[in-house]
Amino acid sequence: MRSENYVAFFTVCGFFIGLIFSIVKVDTIADLFLYTFAITLFFHMFIHVVLVYFINANEVFKISFDKNEHEELANAQVMELKERENQITALLKSINDFTPNEREGVKR
């Protein structure tokens, strides 16, 4: 189960526990909101502390980064871009070399 699910579950549990406690023990509406909010906040913070201590985040980030593979891929893409640039340059040069006499022979 993901850590976000634990946070959501315990926050909702804290809300309902706080609401039940407030309804049973508190007389005024302001205190009802205050105690419900305080107990919900306590549950929310408590589950974060539990997750920090008991879920090992290092296991998630143990994916190795293969630098050589990424460099080879980047170099291949750079070579492909250079090849395309040379093709575009050759096309532009052929367009610029197009003389006015040749344009007259082309019918529109």
N, C-alpha and C. Protein backbone atom coordinates (compact mmCIF):
# COMPACT_ATOMS: atom_id res chain seq x y z
N MET A 1 0.85 -1.17 0.00
CA MET A 1 0.00 0.00 0.00
C MET A 1 0.89 1.24 0.00
N ARG A 2 0.51 2.24 -0.75
CA ARG A 2 1.31 3.45 -0.85
C ARG A 2 1.14 4.31 0.40
N SER A 3 2.14 5.14 0.65
CA SER A 3 2.11 5.97 1.85
C SER A 3 0.96 6.99 1.83
N GLU A 4 0.58 7.44 0.63
CA GLU A 4 -0.53 8.40 0.54
C GLU A 4 -1.83 7.78 1.03
N ASN A 5 -1.97 6.47 0.81
CA ASN A 5 -3.18 5.79 1.28
C ASN A 5 -3.22 5.73 2.81
N TYR A 6 -2.06 5.50 3.43
CA TYR A 6 -2.00 5.50 4.89
C TYR A 6 -2.37 6.87 5.44
N VAL A 7 -1.83 7.91 4.83
CA VAL A 7 -2.11 9.27 5.29
C VAL A 7 -3.60 9.57 5.18
N ALA A 8 -4.18 9.25 4.05
CA ALA A 8 -5.61 9.52 3.86
C ALA A 8 -6.46 8.72 4.84
N PHE A 9 -6.14 7.44 5.02
CA PHE A 9 -6.93 6.59 5.92
C PHE A 9 -6.87 7.10 7.36
N PHE A 10 -5.67 7.39 7.86
CA PHE A 10 -5.55 7.84 9.24
C PHE A 10 -6.10 9.24 9.45
N THR A 11 -6.04 10.09 8.43
CA THR A 11 -6.62 11.42 8.57
C THR A 11 -8.15 11.33 8.68
N VAL A 12 -8.75 10.48 7.87
CA VAL A 12 -10.21 10.30 7.95
C VAL A 12 -10.59 9.65 9.27
N CYS A 13 -9.81 8.66 9.70
CA CYS A 13 -10.08 8.04 11.02
C CYS A 13 -9.97 9.08 12.13
N GLY A 14 -8.96 9.92 12.07
CA GLY A 14 -8.80 10.98 13.06
C GLY A 14 -9.95 11.95 13.06
N PHE A 15 -10.47 12.27 11.86
CA PHE A 15 -11.60 13.17 11.78
C PHE A 15 -12.82 12.58 12.48
N PHE A 16 -13.11 11.32 12.18
CA PHE A 16 -14.31 10.73 12.79
C PHE A 16 -14.14 10.48 14.29
N ILE A 17 -12.96 10.11 14.72
CA ILE A 17 -12.71 9.95 16.16
C ILE A 17 -12.83 11.29 16.86
N GLY A 18 -12.26 12.34 16.22
CA GLY A 18 -12.37 13.69 16.79
C GLY A 18 -13.80 14.18 16.83
N LEU A 19 -14.56 13.87 15.79
CA LEU A 19 -15.96 14.28 15.75
C LEU A 19 -16.77 13.57 16.83
N ILE A 20 -16.57 12.29 16.99
CA ILE A 20 -17.29 11.53 18.02
C ILE A 20 -16.90 12.03 19.41
N PHE A 21 -15.59 12.24 19.64
CA PHE A 21 -15.15 12.75 20.93
C PHE A 21 -15.76 14.11 21.20
N SER A 22 -15.76 14.98 20.20
CA SER A 22 -16.30 16.33 20.38
C SER A 22 -17.79 16.31 20.67
N ILE A 23 -18.52 15.46 19.99
CA ILE A 23 -19.97 15.39 20.22
C ILE A 23 -20.27 14.89 21.63
N VAL A 24 -19.48 13.93 22.10
CA VAL A 24 -19.73 13.35 23.42
C VAL A 24 -19.30 14.30 24.55
N LYS A 25 -18.16 14.96 24.41
CA LYS A 25 -17.56 15.69 25.53
C LYS A 25 -17.74 17.21 25.51
N VAL A 26 -18.07 17.82 24.37
CA VAL A 26 -18.02 19.27 24.25
C VAL A 26 -19.43 19.84 24.20
N ASP A 27 -19.56 21.06 24.76
CA ASP A 27 -20.87 21.70 24.82
C ASP A 27 -21.10 22.75 23.74
N THR A 28 -20.09 23.52 23.38
CA THR A 28 -20.29 24.61 22.43
C THR A 28 -19.85 24.20 21.02
N ILE A 29 -20.38 24.91 20.04
CA ILE A 29 -20.06 24.62 18.64
C ILE A 29 -18.60 24.95 18.34
N ALA A 30 -18.09 26.03 18.90
CA ALA A 30 -16.70 26.42 18.65
C ALA A 30 -15.74 25.36 19.16
N ASP A 31 -16.03 24.83 20.34
CA ASP A 31 -15.19 23.77 20.88
C ASP A 31 -15.30 22.49 20.05
N LEU A 32 -16.48 22.23 19.51
CA LEU A 32 -16.66 21.06 18.66
C LEU A 32 -15.73 21.14 17.45
N PHE A 33 -15.71 22.30 16.80
CA PHE A 33 -14.81 22.47 15.65
C PHE A 33 -13.35 22.43 16.07
N LEU A 34 -13.03 23.07 17.17
CA LEU A 34 -11.64 23.12 17.64
C LEU A 34 -11.10 21.73 17.97
N TYR A 35 -11.83 20.97 18.74
CA TYR A 35 -11.35 19.63 19.13
C TYR A 35 -11.34 18.67 17.94
N THR A 36 -12.32 18.76 17.08
CA THR A 36 -12.33 17.91 15.88
C THR A 36 -11.11 18.22 15.01
N PHE A 37 -10.83 19.50 14.81
CA PHE A 37 -9.67 19.90 14.02
C PHE A 37 -8.37 19.47 14.69
N ALA A 38 -8.26 19.65 16.00
CA ALA A 38 -7.04 19.30 16.71
C ALA A 38 -6.77 17.79 16.67
N ILE A 39 -7.79 16.99 16.87
CA ILE A 39 -7.60 15.53 16.85
C ILE A 39 -7.29 15.05 15.43
N THR A 40 -7.94 15.63 14.44
CA THR A 40 -7.64 15.28 13.04
C THR A 40 -6.21 15.65 12.70
N LEU A 41 -5.77 16.82 13.12
CA LEU A 41 -4.39 17.26 12.88
C LEU A 41 -3.39 16.35 13.58
N PHE A 42 -3.71 15.92 14.79
CA PHE A 42 -2.83 15.01 15.52
C PHE A 42 -2.68 13.70 14.75
N PHE A 43 -3.77 13.12 14.28
CA PHE A 43 -3.70 11.87 13.53
C PHE A 43 -2.92 12.06 12.23
N HIS A 44 -3.13 13.19 11.58
CA HIS A 44 -2.43 13.47 10.34
C HIS A 44 -0.92 13.56 10.57
N MET A 45 -0.51 14.28 11.58
CA MET A 45 0.92 14.42 11.89
C MET A 45 1.51 13.11 12.40
N PHE A 46 0.74 12.39 13.18
CA PHE A 46 1.22 11.12 13.73
C PHE A 46 1.52 10.11 12.62
N ILE A 47 0.66 10.01 11.63
CA ILE A 47 0.91 9.05 10.56
C ILE A 47 2.11 9.46 9.73
N HIS A 48 2.36 10.75 9.59
CA HIS A 48 3.57 11.18 8.89
C HIS A 48 4.82 10.76 9.65
N VAL A 49 4.82 10.91 10.95
CA VAL A 49 5.96 10.49 11.76
C VAL A 49 6.16 8.98 11.64
N VAL A 50 5.08 8.23 11.71
CA VAL A 50 5.17 6.77 11.58
C VAL A 50 5.73 6.40 10.21
N LEU A 51 5.28 7.05 9.16
CA LEU A 51 5.77 6.73 7.82
C LEU A 51 7.25 7.06 7.66
N VAL A 52 7.69 8.16 8.26
CA VAL A 52 9.10 8.53 8.17
C VAL A 52 9.97 7.48 8.84
N TYR A 53 9.54 6.96 9.96
CA TYR A 53 10.38 6.01 10.69
C TYR A 53 10.27 4.58 10.20
N PHE A 54 9.13 4.17 9.66
CA PHE A 54 8.94 2.76 9.37
C PHE A 54 8.93 2.39 7.89
N ILE A 55 8.79 3.35 7.00
CA ILE A 55 8.85 3.03 5.58
C ILE A 55 10.20 3.51 5.07
N ASN A 56 10.95 2.57 4.50
CA ASN A 56 12.29 2.89 4.01
C ASN A 56 12.18 3.44 2.60
N ALA A 57 12.37 4.72 2.47
CA ALA A 57 12.25 5.36 1.16
C ALA A 57 13.44 5.07 0.28
N ASN A 58 14.54 4.63 0.84
CA ASN A 58 15.73 4.36 0.04
C ASN A 58 15.51 3.19 -0.92
N GLU A 59 14.65 2.25 -0.57
CA GLU A 59 14.38 1.13 -1.45
C GLU A 59 13.69 1.58 -2.73
N VAL A 60 12.89 2.61 -2.64
CA VAL A 60 12.18 3.11 -3.81
C VAL A 60 13.16 3.76 -4.77
N PHE A 61 14.18 4.44 -4.24
CA PHE A 61 15.10 5.21 -5.08
C PHE A 61 16.40 4.46 -5.38
N LYS A 62 16.40 3.16 -5.29
CA LYS A 62 17.60 2.39 -5.59
C LYS A 62 17.73 2.05 -7.07
N ILE A 63 16.97 2.71 -7.92
CA ILE A 63 17.07 2.49 -9.36
C ILE A 63 18.40 3.07 -9.82
N SER A 64 19.19 2.23 -10.48
CA SER A 64 20.50 2.69 -10.91
C SER A 64 20.38 3.53 -12.17
N PHE A 65 21.22 4.52 -12.25
CA PHE A 65 21.26 5.42 -13.40
C PHE A 65 22.45 5.03 -14.24
N ASP A 66 22.19 4.50 -15.45
CA ASP A 66 23.26 4.06 -16.33
C ASP A 66 23.72 5.24 -17.18
N LYS A 67 24.80 5.87 -16.73
CA LYS A 67 25.30 7.07 -17.38
C LYS A 67 25.75 6.79 -18.81
N ASN A 68 26.43 5.68 -19.02
CA ASN A 68 26.95 5.37 -20.36
C ASN A 68 25.82 5.18 -21.37
N GLU A 69 24.76 4.51 -20.94
CA GLU A 69 23.62 4.30 -21.84
C GLU A 69 22.98 5.63 -22.24
N HIS A 70 22.84 6.54 -21.28
CA HIS A 70 22.23 7.83 -21.57
C HIS A 70 23.14 8.69 -22.44
N GLU A 71 24.46 8.59 -22.23
CA GLU A 71 25.39 9.34 -23.07
C GLU A 71 25.38 8.82 -24.50
N GLU A 72 25.32 7.52 -24.67
CA GLU A 72 25.26 6.95 -26.02
C GLU A 72 23.98 7.38 -26.73
N LEU A 73 22.88 7.37 -26.02
CA LEU A 73 21.61 7.80 -26.60
C LEU A 73 21.67 9.27 -26.99
N ALA A 74 22.23 10.10 -26.12
CA ALA A 74 22.33 11.53 -26.40
C ALA A 74 23.25 11.78 -27.60
N ASN A 75 24.37 11.05 -27.67
CA ASN A 75 25.28 11.21 -28.81
C ASN A 75 24.62 10.78 -30.11
N ALA A 76 23.85 9.71 -30.09
CA ALA A 76 23.16 9.25 -31.29
C ALA A 76 22.14 10.30 -31.74
N GLN A 77 21.45 10.92 -30.80
CA GLN A 77 20.48 11.95 -31.17
C GLN A 77 21.17 13.19 -31.73
N VAL A 78 22.33 13.54 -31.16
CA VAL A 78 23.08 14.69 -31.68
C VAL A 78 23.55 14.42 -33.09
N MET A 79 24.03 13.21 -33.36
CA MET A 79 24.48 12.85 -34.71
C MET A 79 23.30 12.89 -35.71
N GLU A 80 22.15 12.43 -35.27
CA GLU A 80 20.97 12.47 -36.13
C GLU A 80 20.56 13.90 -36.43
N LEU A 81 20.65 14.77 -35.43
CA LEU A 81 20.32 16.18 -35.66
C LEU A 81 21.31 16.84 -36.61
N LYS A 82 22.60 16.50 -36.49
CA LYS A 82 23.60 17.05 -37.40
C LYS A 82 23.34 16.58 -38.83
N GLU A 83 22.96 15.32 -38.99
CA GLU A 83 22.66 14.79 -40.31
C GLU A 83 21.46 15.51 -40.92
N ARG A 84 20.43 15.72 -40.14
CA ARG A 84 19.25 16.44 -40.63
C ARG A 84 19.60 17.89 -40.97
N GLU A 85 20.45 18.50 -40.15
CA GLU A 85 20.86 19.87 -40.41
C GLU A 85 21.62 19.96 -41.74
N ASN A 86 22.48 18.98 -41.99
CA ASN A 86 23.21 18.97 -43.26
C ASN A 86 22.26 18.79 -44.44
N GLN A 87 21.24 17.96 -44.30
CA GLN A 87 20.27 17.78 -45.37
C GLN A 87 19.49 19.07 -45.64
N ILE A 88 19.09 19.74 -44.56
CA ILE A 88 18.35 21.00 -44.72
C ILE A 88 19.23 22.06 -45.35
N THR A 89 20.50 22.10 -44.93
CA THR A 89 21.44 23.07 -45.52
C THR A 89 21.61 22.80 -47.00
N ALA A 90 21.73 21.55 -47.41
CA ALA A 90 21.87 21.20 -48.82
C ALA A 90 20.62 21.60 -49.60
N LEU A 91 19.44 21.38 -49.03
CA LEU A 91 18.20 21.79 -49.70
C LEU A 91 18.12 23.31 -49.86
N LEU A 92 18.49 24.04 -48.82
CA LEU A 92 18.46 25.50 -48.91
C LEU A 92 19.48 26.00 -49.93
N LYS A 93 20.62 25.36 -49.99
CA LYS A 93 21.64 25.76 -50.96
C LYS A 93 21.14 25.51 -52.37
N SER A 94 20.48 24.38 -52.60
CA SER A 94 19.95 24.10 -53.94
C SER A 94 18.85 25.09 -54.32
N ILE A 95 18.08 25.54 -53.36
CA ILE A 95 17.05 26.54 -53.63
C ILE A 95 17.70 27.88 -53.98
N ASN A 96 18.75 28.25 -53.26
CA ASN A 96 19.44 29.52 -53.52
C ASN A 96 20.17 29.50 -54.86
N ASP A 97 20.61 28.33 -55.30
CA ASP A 97 21.33 28.20 -56.57
C ASP A 97 20.38 28.19 -57.76
N PHE A 98 19.13 28.19 -57.53
CA PHE A 98 18.12 28.17 -58.58
C PHE A 98 18.16 29.51 -59.31
N THR A 99 18.51 29.51 -60.57
CA THR A 99 18.71 30.76 -61.31
C THR A 99 17.39 31.27 -61.88
N PRO A 100 17.33 32.57 -62.21
CA PRO A 100 16.10 33.14 -62.78
C PRO A 100 15.74 32.51 -64.12
N ASN A 101 16.73 32.09 -64.93
CA ASN A 101 16.43 31.49 -66.23
C ASN A 101 15.70 30.17 -66.04
N GLU A 102 16.04 29.44 -65.04
CA GLU A 102 15.37 28.16 -64.78
C GLU A 102 13.96 28.39 -64.28
N ARG A 103 13.74 29.51 -63.61
CA ARG A 103 12.40 29.81 -63.13
C ARG A 103 11.45 30.08 -64.27
N GLU A 104 11.95 30.72 -65.35
CA GLU A 104 11.11 31.04 -66.49
C GLU A 104 10.63 29.78 -67.20
N GLY A 105 11.45 28.72 -67.15
CA GLY A 105 11.07 27.48 -67.84
C GLY A 105 10.02 26.70 -67.11
N VAL A 106 9.79 27.03 -65.88
CA VAL A 106 8.79 26.32 -65.09
C VAL A 106 7.44 26.97 -65.29
N LYS A 107 6.47 26.21 -65.72
CA LYS A 107 5.12 26.75 -65.93
C LYS A 107 4.30 26.57 -64.67
N ARG A 108 3.51 27.55 -64.42
CA ARG A 108 2.66 27.47 -63.22
C ARG A 108 1.29 27.09 -63.55
